[in-house]
Amino acid sequence: MARTKKLTAKNPSVDEKDEDLESLEEGEELGQDAQEEAQEIRKSIPLEVFVEGDNIERALKALKRKLVREGVIREYKAKKYFEKPSVKRKRKKNETLRKIERIEKERLSALQLIK
């Protein structure tokens, strides 16, 4: 019989924050303030990884995937070194353009499915 352990940080208000995050994400397009609020809530919700048996390697891979998906590693690397304001503006502009392109592609594919 395999043992299962749940590794997580205890946070008593996680359920409330989870509900707030879902209510914020229900709207299709969020304003800048709502996006920042949703991001703050996401940061405070702990990541959970289940260790089945003694398979630590699999749990570490799962944890790494979750960290990458949440953007924690990217944020760590960005804060590791100083980023000039001009480079920061350029990066944010490119991120915004990529996001707009992705949204437009999704809308076009949705319209083609409806037809």
PDB file of N, CA and C in Angstrom:
ATOM      1  N   MET A   1       0.844  -1.180   0.000  1.00  0.00           N
ATOM      2  CA  MET A   1       0.000   0.000   0.000  1.00  0.00           C
ATOM      3  C   MET A   1       0.886   1.240   0.000  1.00  0.00           C
ATOM      4  N   ALA A   2       0.637   2.134  -0.924  1.00  0.00           N
ATOM      5  CA  ALA A   2       1.439   3.349  -1.058  1.00  0.00           C
ATOM      6  C   ALA A   2       0.964   4.400  -0.064  1.00  0.00           C
ATOM      7  N   ARG A   3       1.937   5.056   0.538  1.00  0.00           N
ATOM      8  CA  ARG A   3       1.602   6.141   1.451  1.00  0.00           C
ATOM      9  C   ARG A   3       1.520   7.432   0.663  1.00  0.00           C
ATOM     10  N   THR A   4       0.601   8.288   1.045  1.00  0.00           N
ATOM     11  CA  THR A   4       0.463   9.585   0.396  1.00  0.00           C
ATOM     12  C   THR A   4       0.599  10.663   1.448  1.00  0.00           C
ATOM     13  N   LYS A   5       1.475  11.610   1.155  1.00  0.00           N
ATOM     14  CA  LYS A   5       1.657  12.744   2.061  1.00  0.00           C
ATOM     15  C   LYS A   5       1.326  14.004   1.306  1.00  0.00           C
ATOM     16  N   LYS A   6       0.731  14.927   1.990  1.00  0.00           N
ATOM     17  CA  LYS A   6       0.397  16.216   1.393  1.00  0.00           C
ATOM     18  C   LYS A   6       1.321  17.263   1.991  1.00  0.00           C
ATOM     19  N   LEU A   7       2.087  17.903   1.142  1.00  0.00           N
ATOM     20  CA  LEU A   7       2.995  18.948   1.597  1.00  0.00           C
ATOM     21  C   LEU A   7       2.408  20.297   1.230  1.00  0.00           C
ATOM     22  N   THR A   8       2.112  21.096   2.216  1.00  0.00           N
ATOM     23  CA  THR A   8       1.558  22.416   1.962  1.00  0.00           C
ATOM     24  C   THR A   8       1.816  23.320   3.159  1.00  0.00           C
ATOM     25  N   ALA A   9       1.761  24.593   2.930  1.00  0.00           N
ATOM     26  CA  ALA A   9       1.869  25.555   4.025  1.00  0.00           C
ATOM     27  C   ALA A   9       0.466  25.827   4.550  1.00  0.00           C
ATOM     28  N   LYS A  10       0.336  25.966   5.836  1.00  0.00           N
ATOM     29  CA  LYS A  10      -0.975  26.215   6.440  1.00  0.00           C
ATOM     30  C   LYS A  10      -1.323  27.681   6.319  1.00  0.00           C
ATOM     31  N   ASN A  11      -2.535  27.951   5.840  1.00  0.00           N
ATOM     32  CA  ASN A  11      -3.019  29.318   5.727  1.00  0.00           C
ATOM     33  C   ASN A  11      -4.522  29.266   5.964  1.00  0.00           C
ATOM     34  N   PRO A  12      -5.015  29.780   7.081  1.00  0.00           N
ATOM     35  CA  PRO A  12      -6.428  29.624   7.426  1.00  0.00           C
ATOM     36  C   PRO A  12      -7.396  30.316   6.473  1.00  0.00           C
ATOM     37  N   SER A  13      -6.949  31.340   5.775  1.00  0.00           N
ATOM     38  CA  SER A  13      -7.886  32.081   4.935  1.00  0.00           C
ATOM     39  C   SER A  13      -7.760  31.721   3.459  1.00  0.00           C
ATOM     40  N   VAL A  14      -7.196  30.548   3.147  1.00  0.00           N
ATOM     41  CA  VAL A  14      -7.001  30.146   1.756  1.00  0.00           C
ATOM     42  C   VAL A  14      -8.337  30.000   1.039  1.00  0.00           C
ATOM     43  N   ASP A  15      -9.350  29.418   1.710  1.00  0.00           N
ATOM     44  CA  ASP A  15     -10.651  29.218   1.066  1.00  0.00           C
ATOM     45  C   ASP A  15     -11.275  30.549   0.662  1.00  0.00           C
ATOM     46  N   GLU A  16     -11.174  31.531   1.532  1.00  0.00           N
ATOM     47  CA  GLU A  16     -11.725  32.845   1.206  1.00  0.00           C
ATOM     48  C   GLU A  16     -10.983  33.462   0.020  1.00  0.00           C
ATOM     49  N   LYS A  17      -9.666  33.353   0.010  1.00  0.00           N
ATOM     50  CA  LYS A  17      -8.877  33.925  -1.075  1.00  0.00           C
ATOM     51  C   LYS A  17      -9.141  33.191  -2.381  1.00  0.00           C
ATOM     52  N   ASP A  18      -9.358  31.870  -2.295  1.00  0.00           N
ATOM     53  CA  ASP A  18      -9.670  31.088  -3.489  1.00  0.00           C
ATOM     54  C   ASP A  18     -10.988  31.568  -4.100  1.00  0.00           C
ATOM     55  N   GLU A  19     -11.989  31.820  -3.253  1.00  0.00           N
ATOM     56  CA  GLU A  19     -13.281  32.311  -3.741  1.00  0.00           C
ATOM     57  C   GLU A  19     -13.133  33.697  -4.363  1.00  0.00           C
ATOM     58  N   ASP A  20     -12.337  34.559  -3.720  1.00  0.00           N
ATOM     59  CA  ASP A  20     -12.109  35.898  -4.269  1.00  0.00           C
ATOM     60  C   ASP A  20     -11.442  35.813  -5.634  1.00  0.00           C
ATOM     61  N   LEU A  21     -10.466  34.916  -5.765  1.00  0.00           N
ATOM     62  CA  LEU A  21      -9.744  34.762  -7.021  1.00  0.00           C
ATOM     63  C   LEU A  21     -10.689  34.274  -8.118  1.00  0.00           C
ATOM     64  N   GLU A  22     -11.548  33.302  -7.796  1.00  0.00           N
ATOM     65  CA  GLU A  22     -12.501  32.799  -8.785  1.00  0.00           C
ATOM     66  C   GLU A  22     -13.469  33.896  -9.211  1.00  0.00           C
ATOM     67  N   SER A  23     -13.931  34.693  -8.259  1.00  0.00           N
ATOM     68  CA  SER A  23     -14.868  35.757  -8.615  1.00  0.00           C
ATOM     69  C   SER A  23     -14.192  36.817  -9.479  1.00  0.00           C
ATOM     70  N   LEU A  24     -12.904  37.072  -9.235  1.00  0.00           N
ATOM     71  CA  LEU A  24     -12.188  38.043 -10.060  1.00  0.00           C
ATOM     72  C   LEU A  24     -11.941  37.516 -11.466  1.00  0.00           C
ATOM     73  N   GLU A  25     -11.695  36.200 -11.586  1.00  0.00           N
ATOM     74  CA  GLU A  25     -11.371  35.626 -12.883  1.00  0.00           C
ATOM     75  C   GLU A  25     -12.616  35.294 -13.705  1.00  0.00           C
ATOM     76  N   GLU A  26     -13.801  35.379 -13.119  1.00  0.00           N
ATOM     77  CA  GLU A  26     -15.020  35.079 -13.863  1.00  0.00           C
ATOM     78  C   GLU A  26     -15.237  36.062 -15.000  1.00  0.00           C
ATOM     79  N   GLY A  27     -14.914  37.322 -14.780  1.00  0.00           N
ATOM     80  CA  GLY A  27     -15.040  38.324 -15.830  1.00  0.00           C
ATOM     81  C   GLY A  27     -14.033  38.033 -16.933  1.00  0.00           C
ATOM     82  N   GLU A  28     -14.447  38.191 -18.189  1.00  0.00           N
ATOM     83  CA  GLU A  28     -13.563  37.850 -19.304  1.00  0.00           C
ATOM     84  C   GLU A  28     -12.351  38.772 -19.352  1.00  0.00           C
ATOM     85  N   GLU A  29     -12.585  40.064 -19.253  1.00  0.00           N
ATOM     86  CA  GLU A  29     -11.485  41.017 -19.288  1.00  0.00           C
ATOM     87  C   GLU A  29     -11.444  41.767 -17.968  1.00  0.00           C
ATOM     88  N   LEU A  30     -10.310  41.681 -17.301  1.00  0.00           N
ATOM     89  CA  LEU A  30     -10.149  42.341 -16.024  1.00  0.00           C
ATOM     90  C   LEU A  30      -9.403  43.649 -16.220  1.00  0.00           C
ATOM     91  N   GLY A  31      -9.735  44.635 -15.414  1.00  0.00           N
ATOM     92  CA  GLY A  31      -8.993  45.878 -15.445  1.00  0.00           C
ATOM     93  C   GLY A  31      -7.628  45.680 -14.800  1.00  0.00           C
ATOM     94  N   GLN A  32      -6.772  46.654 -14.911  1.00  0.00           N
ATOM     95  CA  GLN A  32      -5.416  46.554 -14.368  1.00  0.00           C
ATOM     96  C   GLN A  32      -5.448  46.327 -12.863  1.00  0.00           C
ATOM     97  N   ASP A  33      -6.319  47.042 -12.139  1.00  0.00           N
ATOM     98  CA  ASP A  33      -6.400  46.891 -10.690  1.00  0.00           C
ATOM     99  C   ASP A  33      -6.858  45.493 -10.316  1.00  0.00           C
ATOM    100  N   ALA A  34      -7.848  44.975 -11.026  1.00  0.00           N
ATOM    101  CA  ALA A  34      -8.364  43.640 -10.734  1.00  0.00           C
ATOM    102  C   ALA A  34      -7.312  42.572 -11.037  1.00  0.00           C
ATOM    103  N   GLN A  35      -6.543  42.763 -12.093  1.00  0.00           N
ATOM    104  CA  GLN A  35      -5.483  41.813 -12.421  1.00  0.00           C
ATOM    105  C   GLN A  35      -4.414  41.803 -11.338  1.00  0.00           C
ATOM    106  N   GLU A  36      -4.049  42.976 -10.859  1.00  0.00           N
ATOM    107  CA  GLU A  36      -3.049  43.056  -9.795  1.00  0.00           C
ATOM    108  C   GLU A  36      -3.567  42.411  -8.515  1.00  0.00           C
ATOM    109  N   GLU A  37      -4.846  42.621  -8.216  1.00  0.00           N
ATOM    110  CA  GLU A  37      -5.436  42.029  -7.021  1.00  0.00           C
ATOM    111  C   GLU A  37      -5.461  40.507  -7.140  1.00  0.00           C
ATOM    112  N   ALA A  38      -5.823  40.009  -8.318  1.00  0.00           N
ATOM    113  CA  ALA A  38      -5.850  38.565  -8.544  1.00  0.00           C
ATOM    114  C   ALA A  38      -4.449  37.982  -8.410  1.00  0.00           C
ATOM    115  N   GLN A  39      -3.462  38.699  -8.891  1.00  0.00           N
ATOM    116  CA  GLN A  39      -2.078  38.240  -8.801  1.00  0.00           C
ATOM    117  C   GLN A  39      -1.622  38.189  -7.336  1.00  0.00           C
ATOM    118  N   GLU A  40      -2.000  39.178  -6.540  1.00  0.00           N
ATOM    119  CA  GLU A  40      -1.648  39.184  -5.128  1.00  0.00           C
ATOM    120  C   GLU A  40      -2.296  38.021  -4.393  1.00  0.00           C
ATOM    121  N   ILE A  41      -3.552  37.735  -4.737  1.00  0.00           N
ATOM    122  CA  ILE A  41      -4.245  36.617  -4.100  1.00  0.00           C
ATOM    123  C   ILE A  41      -3.565  35.312  -4.467  1.00  0.00           C
ATOM    124  N   ARG A  42      -3.195  35.159  -5.746  1.00  0.00           N
ATOM    125  CA  ARG A  42      -2.512  33.943  -6.198  1.00  0.00           C
ATOM    126  C   ARG A  42      -1.205  33.735  -5.446  1.00  0.00           C
ATOM    127  N   LYS A  43      -0.497  34.817  -5.181  1.00  0.00           N
ATOM    128  CA  LYS A  43       0.782  34.708  -4.489  1.00  0.00           C
ATOM    129  C   LYS A  43       0.603  34.200  -3.061  1.00  0.00           C
ATOM    130  N   SER A  44      -0.513  34.527  -2.437  1.00  0.00           N
ATOM    131  CA  SER A  44      -0.706  34.145  -1.043  1.00  0.00           C
ATOM    132  C   SER A  44      -1.283  32.745  -0.878  1.00  0.00           C
ATOM    133  N   ILE A  45      -1.735  32.118  -1.965  1.00  0.00           N
ATOM    134  CA  ILE A  45      -2.262  30.758  -1.885  1.00  0.00           C
ATOM    135  C   ILE A  45      -1.087  29.791  -1.996  1.00  0.00           C
ATOM    136  N   PRO A  46      -0.944  28.878  -1.039  1.00  0.00           N
ATOM    137  CA  PRO A  46       0.206  27.975  -1.071  1.00  0.00           C
ATOM    138  C   PRO A  46       0.090  26.937  -2.188  1.00  0.00           C
ATOM    139  N   LEU A  47       1.240  26.509  -2.696  1.00  0.00           N
ATOM    140  CA  LEU A  47       1.279  25.445  -3.683  1.00  0.00           C
ATOM    141  C   LEU A  47       1.299  24.116  -2.942  1.00  0.00           C
ATOM    142  N   GLU A  48       0.565  23.143  -3.457  1.00  0.00           N
ATOM    143  CA  GLU A  48       0.506  21.831  -2.829  1.00  0.00           C
ATOM    144  C   GLU A  48       1.115  20.796  -3.755  1.00  0.00           C
ATOM    145  N   VAL A  49       1.893  19.902  -3.169  1.00  0.00           N
ATOM    146  CA  VAL A  49       2.472  18.788  -3.908  1.00  0.00           C
ATOM    147  C   VAL A  49       2.252  17.542  -3.075  1.00  0.00           C
ATOM    148  N   PHE A  50       1.746  16.493  -3.714  1.00  0.00           N
ATOM    149  CA  PHE A  50       1.510  15.233  -3.024  1.00  0.00           C
ATOM    150  C   PHE A  50       2.671  14.292  -3.289  1.00  0.00           C
ATOM    151  N   VAL A  51       3.194  13.687  -2.229  1.00  0.00           N
ATOM    152  CA  VAL A  51       4.277  12.714  -2.340  1.00  0.00           C
ATOM    153  C   VAL A  51       3.662  11.344  -2.136  1.00  0.00           C
ATOM    154  N   GLU A  52       3.675  10.537  -3.189  1.00  0.00           N
ATOM    155  CA  GLU A  52       3.113   9.189  -3.094  1.00  0.00           C
ATOM    156  C   GLU A  52       4.233   8.207  -2.847  1.00  0.00           C
ATOM    157  N   GLY A  53       4.114   7.452  -1.762  1.00  0.00           N
ATOM    158  CA  GLY A  53       5.165   6.515  -1.415  1.00  0.00           C
ATOM    159  C   GLY A  53       6.430   7.267  -1.065  1.00  0.00           C
ATOM    160  N   ASP A  54       7.532   6.809  -1.642  1.00  0.00           N
ATOM    161  CA  ASP A  54       8.810   7.479  -1.402  1.00  0.00           C
ATOM    162  C   ASP A  54       9.337   8.092  -2.689  1.00  0.00           C
ATOM    163  N   ASN A  55       8.454   8.467  -3.595  1.00  0.00           N
ATOM    164  CA  ASN A  55       8.850   8.999  -4.895  1.00  0.00           C
ATOM    165  C   ASN A  55       9.039  10.517  -4.805  1.00  0.00           C
ATOM    166  N   ILE A  56      10.147  10.912  -4.224  1.00  0.00           N
ATOM    167  CA  ILE A  56      10.450  12.335  -4.026  1.00  0.00           C
ATOM    168  C   ILE A  56      10.748  13.018  -5.354  1.00  0.00           C
ATOM    169  N   GLU A  57      11.420  12.310  -6.278  1.00  0.00           N
ATOM    170  CA  GLU A  57      11.793  12.910  -7.557  1.00  0.00           C
ATOM    171  C   GLU A  57      10.556  13.376  -8.325  1.00  0.00           C
ATOM    172  N   ARG A  58       9.520  12.552  -8.348  1.00  0.00           N
ATOM    173  CA  ARG A  58       8.289  12.908  -9.052  1.00  0.00           C
ATOM    174  C   ARG A  58       7.631  14.126  -8.402  1.00  0.00           C
ATOM    175  N   ALA A  59       7.656  14.171  -7.067  1.00  0.00           N
ATOM    176  CA  ALA A  59       7.064  15.313  -6.357  1.00  0.00           C
ATOM    177  C   ALA A  59       7.848  16.592  -6.655  1.00  0.00           C
ATOM    178  N   LEU A  60       9.182  16.495  -6.741  1.00  0.00           N
ATOM    179  CA  LEU A  60       9.990  17.670  -7.058  1.00  0.00           C
ATOM    180  C   LEU A  60       9.720  18.157  -8.476  1.00  0.00           C
ATOM    181  N   LYS A  61       9.539  17.226  -9.426  1.00  0.00           N
ATOM    182  CA  LYS A  61       9.205  17.617 -10.797  1.00  0.00           C
ATOM    183  C   LYS A  61       7.865  18.334 -10.835  1.00  0.00           C
ATOM    184  N   ALA A  62       6.901  17.800 -10.094  1.00  0.00           N
ATOM    185  CA  ALA A  62       5.573  18.421 -10.056  1.00  0.00           C
ATOM    186  C   ALA A  62       5.659  19.819  -9.442  1.00  0.00           C
ATOM    187  N   LEU A  63       6.459  19.955  -8.383  1.00  0.00           N
ATOM    188  CA  LEU A  63       6.634  21.258  -7.741  1.00  0.00           C
ATOM    189  C   LEU A  63       7.280  22.244  -8.709  1.00  0.00           C
ATOM    190  N   LYS A  64       8.291  21.794  -9.441  1.00  0.00           N
ATOM    191  CA  LYS A  64       8.966  22.675 -10.390  1.00  0.00           C
ATOM    192  C   LYS A  64       7.999  23.127 -11.477  1.00  0.00           C
ATOM    193  N   ARG A  65       7.159  22.218 -11.991  1.00  0.00           N
ATOM    194  CA  ARG A  65       6.167  22.591 -13.007  1.00  0.00           C
ATOM    195  C   ARG A  65       5.210  23.644 -12.472  1.00  0.00           C
ATOM    196  N   LYS A  66       4.770  23.469 -11.230  1.00  0.00           N
ATOM    197  CA  LYS A  66       3.854  24.440 -10.639  1.00  0.00           C
ATOM    198  C   LYS A  66       4.530  25.795 -10.461  1.00  0.00           C
ATOM    199  N   LEU A  67       5.779  25.791 -10.042  1.00  0.00           N
ATOM    200  CA  LEU A  67       6.512  27.046  -9.867  1.00  0.00           C
ATOM    201  C   LEU A  67       6.684  27.762 -11.195  1.00  0.00           C
ATOM    202  N   VAL A  68       6.973  27.007 -12.253  1.00  0.00           N
ATOM    203  CA  VAL A  68       7.125  27.615 -13.579  1.00  0.00           C
ATOM    204  C   VAL A  68       5.789  28.173 -14.042  1.00  0.00           C
ATOM    205  N   ARG A  69       4.719  27.398 -13.862  1.00  0.00           N
ATOM    206  CA  ARG A  69       3.394  27.831 -14.296  1.00  0.00           C
ATOM    207  C   ARG A  69       2.942  29.090 -13.568  1.00  0.00           C
ATOM    208  N   GLU A  70       3.272  29.208 -12.298  1.00  0.00           N
ATOM    209  CA  GLU A  70       2.882  30.375 -11.511  1.00  0.00           C
ATOM    210  C   GLU A  70       3.789  31.579 -11.770  1.00  0.00           C
ATOM    211  N   GLY A  71       4.928  31.353 -12.409  1.00  0.00           N
ATOM    212  CA  GLY A  71       5.825  32.454 -12.721  1.00  0.00           C
ATOM    213  C   GLY A  71       6.789  32.801 -11.603  1.00  0.00           C
ATOM    214  N   VAL A  72       6.910  31.926 -10.619  1.00  0.00           N
ATOM    215  CA  VAL A  72       7.779  32.210  -9.476  1.00  0.00           C
ATOM    216  C   VAL A  72       9.240  32.221  -9.909  1.00  0.00           C
ATOM    217  N   ILE A  73       9.627  31.266 -10.733  1.00  0.00           N
ATOM    218  CA  ILE A  73      11.019  31.176 -11.169  1.00  0.00           C
ATOM    219  C   ILE A  73      11.382  32.372 -12.042  1.00  0.00           C
ATOM    220  N   ARG A  74      10.481  32.748 -12.948  1.00  0.00           N
ATOM    221  CA  ARG A  74      10.731  33.908 -13.809  1.00  0.00           C
ATOM    222  C   ARG A  74      10.880  35.175 -12.960  1.00  0.00           C
ATOM    223  N   GLU A  75      10.015  35.312 -11.953  1.00  0.00           N
ATOM    224  CA  GLU A  75      10.071  36.479 -11.072  1.00  0.00           C
ATOM    225  C   GLU A  75      11.378  36.495 -10.274  1.00  0.00           C
ATOM    226  N   TYR A  76      11.807  35.319  -9.809  1.00  0.00           N
ATOM    227  CA  TYR A  76      13.065  35.231  -9.060  1.00  0.00           C
ATOM    228  C   TYR A  76      14.238  35.665  -9.937  1.00  0.00           C
ATOM    229  N   LYS A  77      14.276  35.153 -11.166  1.00  0.00           N
ATOM    230  CA  LYS A  77      15.373  35.499 -12.071  1.00  0.00           C
ATOM    231  C   LYS A  77      15.346  36.985 -12.422  1.00  0.00           C
ATOM    232  N   ALA A  78      14.146  37.539 -12.555  1.00  0.00           N
ATOM    233  CA  ALA A  78      14.035  38.966 -12.887  1.00  0.00           C
ATOM    234  C   ALA A  78      14.543  39.839 -11.742  1.00  0.00           C
ATOM    235  N   LYS A  79      14.321  39.421 -10.522  1.00  0.00           N
ATOM    236  CA  LYS A  79      14.746  40.217  -9.373  1.00  0.00           C
ATOM    237  C   LYS A  79      16.186  39.932  -8.952  1.00  0.00           C
ATOM    238  N   LYS A  80      16.781  38.918  -9.544  1.00  0.00           N
ATOM    239  CA  LYS A  80      18.143  38.549  -9.184  1.00  0.00           C
ATOM    240  C   LYS A  80      19.133  39.639  -9.581  1.00  0.00           C
ATOM    241  N   TYR A  81      18.882  40.265 -10.726  1.00  0.00           N
ATOM    242  CA  TYR A  81      19.746  41.315 -11.233  1.00  0.00           C
ATOM    243  C   TYR A  81      18.923  42.570 -11.492  1.00  0.00           C
ATOM    244  N   PHE A  82      19.591  43.698 -11.475  1.00  0.00           N
ATOM    245  CA  PHE A  82      18.913  44.961 -11.746  1.00  0.00           C
ATOM    246  C   PHE A  82      18.532  45.035 -13.218  1.00  0.00           C
ATOM    247  N   GLU A  83      17.332  45.501 -13.467  1.00  0.00           N
ATOM    248  CA  GLU A  83      16.853  45.666 -14.836  1.00  0.00           C
ATOM    249  C   GLU A  83      16.667  47.164 -15.079  1.00  0.00           C
ATOM    250  N   LYS A  84      17.322  47.657 -16.109  1.00  0.00           N
ATOM    251  CA  LYS A  84      17.216  49.075 -16.409  1.00  0.00           C
ATOM    252  C   LYS A  84      15.769  49.422 -16.743  1.00  0.00           C
ATOM    253  N   PRO A  85      15.327  50.626 -16.383  1.00  0.00           N
ATOM    254  CA  PRO A  85      13.942  51.020 -16.652  1.00  0.00           C
ATOM    255  C   PRO A  85      13.566  50.930 -18.127  1.00  0.00           C
ATOM    256  N   SER A  86      14.491  51.274 -19.018  1.00  0.00           N
ATOM    257  CA  SER A  86      14.172  51.206 -20.453  1.00  0.00           C
ATOM    258  C   SER A  86      13.974  49.757 -20.895  1.00  0.00           C
ATOM    259  N   VAL A  87      14.768  48.846 -20.367  1.00  0.00           N
ATOM    260  CA  VAL A  87      14.640  47.427 -20.708  1.00  0.00           C
ATOM    261  C   VAL A  87      13.343  46.874 -20.124  1.00  0.00           C
ATOM    262  N   LYS A  88      13.006  47.331 -18.938  1.00  0.00           N
ATOM    263  CA  LYS A  88      11.779  46.893 -18.275  1.00  0.00           C
ATOM    264  C   LYS A  88      10.543  47.320 -19.079  1.00  0.00           C
ATOM    265  N   ARG A  89      10.536  48.575 -19.538  1.00  0.00           N
ATOM    266  CA  ARG A  89       9.421  49.073 -20.349  1.00  0.00           C
ATOM    267  C   ARG A  89       9.289  48.262 -21.636  1.00  0.00           C
ATOM    268  N   LYS A  90      10.411  48.009 -22.270  1.00  0.00           N
ATOM    269  CA  LYS A  90      10.407  47.262 -23.527  1.00  0.00           C
ATOM    270  C   LYS A  90       9.883  45.839 -23.313  1.00  0.00           C
ATOM    271  N   ARG A  91      10.316  45.192 -22.231  1.00  0.00           N
ATOM    272  CA  ARG A  91       9.872  43.837 -21.920  1.00  0.00           C
ATOM    273  C   ARG A  91       8.372  43.807 -21.653  1.00  0.00           C
ATOM    274  N   LYS A  92       7.894  44.757 -20.853  1.00  0.00           N
ATOM    275  CA  LYS A  92       6.458  44.804 -20.545  1.00  0.00           C
ATOM    276  C   LYS A  92       5.632  45.067 -21.796  1.00  0.00           C
ATOM    277  N   LYS A  93       6.124  45.938 -22.673  1.00  0.00           N
ATOM    278  CA  LYS A  93       5.425  46.219 -23.918  1.00  0.00           C
ATOM    279  C   LYS A  93       5.318  44.957 -24.774  1.00  0.00           C
ATOM    280  N   ASN A  94       6.424  44.216 -24.875  1.00  0.00           N
ATOM    281  CA  ASN A  94       6.419  42.979 -25.655  1.00  0.00           C
ATOM    282  C   ASN A  94       5.493  41.930 -25.039  1.00  0.00           C
ATOM    283  N   GLU A  95       5.477  41.841 -23.706  1.00  0.00           N
ATOM    284  CA  GLU A  95       4.575  40.910 -23.032  1.00  0.00           C
ATOM    285  C   GLU A  95       3.120  41.257 -23.331  1.00  0.00           C
ATOM    286  N   THR A  96       2.806  42.540 -23.298  1.00  0.00           N
ATOM    287  CA  THR A  96       1.444  42.991 -23.577  1.00  0.00           C
ATOM    288  C   THR A  96       1.049  42.665 -25.010  1.00  0.00           C
ATOM    289  N   LEU A  97       1.963  42.904 -25.952  1.00  0.00           N
ATOM    290  CA  LEU A  97       1.670  42.594 -27.355  1.00  0.00           C
ATOM    291  C   LEU A  97       1.431  41.097 -27.557  1.00  0.00           C
ATOM    292  N   ARG A  98       2.252  40.272 -26.912  1.00  0.00           N
ATOM    293  CA  ARG A  98       2.064  38.812 -27.020  1.00  0.00           C
ATOM    294  C   ARG A  98       0.717  38.395 -26.439  1.00  0.00           C
ATOM    295  N   LYS A  99       0.341  39.014 -25.326  1.00  0.00           N
ATOM    296  CA  LYS A  99      -0.930  38.690 -24.687  1.00  0.00           C
ATOM    297  C   LYS A  99      -2.101  39.069 -25.591  1.00  0.00           C
ATOM    298  N   ILE A 100      -2.023  40.249 -26.217  1.00  0.00           N
ATOM    299  CA  ILE A 100      -3.076  40.701 -27.128  1.00  0.00           C
ATOM    300  C   ILE A 100      -3.180  39.761 -28.322  1.00  0.00           C
ATOM    301  N   GLU A 101      -2.034  39.368 -28.883  1.00  0.00           N
ATOM    302  CA  GLU A 101      -2.041  38.440 -30.021  1.00  0.00           C
ATOM    303  C   GLU A 101      -2.680  37.115 -29.645  1.00  0.00           C
ATOM    304  N   ARG A 102      -2.348  36.600 -28.437  1.00  0.00           N
ATOM    305  CA  ARG A 102      -2.910  35.327 -27.984  1.00  0.00           C
ATOM    306  C   ARG A 102      -4.429  35.427 -27.829  1.00  0.00           C
ATOM    307  N   ILE A 103      -4.890  36.531 -27.252  1.00  0.00           N
ATOM    308  CA  ILE A 103      -6.330  36.728 -27.062  1.00  0.00           C
ATOM    309  C   ILE A 103      -7.044  36.813 -28.404  1.00  0.00           C
ATOM    310  N   GLU A 104      -6.441  37.528 -29.362  1.00  0.00           N
ATOM    311  CA  GLU A 104      -7.039  37.650 -30.700  1.00  0.00           C
ATOM    312  C   GLU A 104      -7.112  36.292 -31.397  1.00  0.00           C
ATOM    313  N   LYS A 105      -6.069  35.486 -31.264  1.00  0.00           N
ATOM    314  CA  LYS A 105      -6.073  34.146 -31.857  1.00  0.00           C
ATOM    315  C   LYS A 105      -7.185  33.300 -31.247  1.00  0.00           C
ATOM    316  N   GLU A 106      -7.354  33.391 -29.936  1.00  0.00           N
ATOM    317  CA  GLU A 106      -8.417  32.640 -29.256  1.00  0.00           C
ATOM    318  C   GLU A 106      -9.788  33.092 -29.740  1.00  0.00           C
ATOM    319  N   ARG A 107      -9.979  34.398 -29.892  1.00  0.00           N
ATOM    320  CA  ARG A 107     -11.266  34.914 -30.372  1.00  0.00           C
ATOM    321  C   ARG A 107     -11.549  34.450 -31.790  1.00  0.00           C
ATOM    322  N   LEU A 108     -10.537  34.514 -32.652  1.00  0.00           N
ATOM    323  CA  LEU A 108     -10.718  34.072 -34.040  1.00  0.00           C
ATOM    324  C   LEU A 108     -11.041  32.588 -34.109  1.00  0.00           C
ATOM    325  N   SER A 109     -10.347  31.788 -33.317  1.00  0.00           N
ATOM    326  CA  SER A 109     -10.635  30.356 -33.333  1.00  0.00           C
ATOM    327  C   SER A 109     -12.034  30.085 -32.784  1.00  0.00           C
ATOM    328  N   ALA A 110     -12.471  30.853 -31.796  1.00  0.00           N
ATOM    329  CA  ALA A 110     -13.821  30.692 -31.246  1.00  0.00           C
ATOM    330  C   ALA A 110     -14.867  31.076 -32.304  1.00  0.00           C
ATOM    331  N   LEU A 111     -14.613  32.146 -33.062  1.00  0.00           N
ATOM    332  CA  LEU A 111     -15.541  32.561 -34.098  1.00  0.00           C
ATOM    333  C   LEU A 111     -15.625  31.526 -35.210  1.00  0.00           C
ATOM    334  N   GLN A 112     -14.506  30.917 -35.545  1.00  0.00           N
ATOM    335  CA  GLN A 112     -14.495  29.904 -36.601  1.00  0.00           C
ATOM    336  C   GLN A 112     -15.244  28.648 -36.145  1.00  0.00           C
ATOM    337  N   LEU A 113     -15.187  28.347 -34.857  1.00  0.00           N
ATOM    338  CA  LEU A 113     -15.902  27.175 -34.336  1.00  0.00           C
ATOM    339  C   LEU A 113     -17.400  27.429 -34.341  1.00  0.00           C
ATOM    340  N   ILE A 114     -17.809  28.660 -34.133  1.00  0.00           N
ATOM    341  CA  ILE A 114     -19.240  29.003 -34.078  1.00  0.00           C
ATOM    342  C   ILE A 114     -19.860  28.907 -35.463  1.00  0.00           C
ATOM    343  N   LYS A 115     -19.127  29.312 -36.501  1.00  0.00           N
ATOM    344  CA  LYS A 115     -19.666  29.327 -37.857  1.00  0.00           C
ATOM    345  C   LYS A 115     -20.020  27.969 -38.352  1.00  0.00           C
TER     346      LYS A 115
END
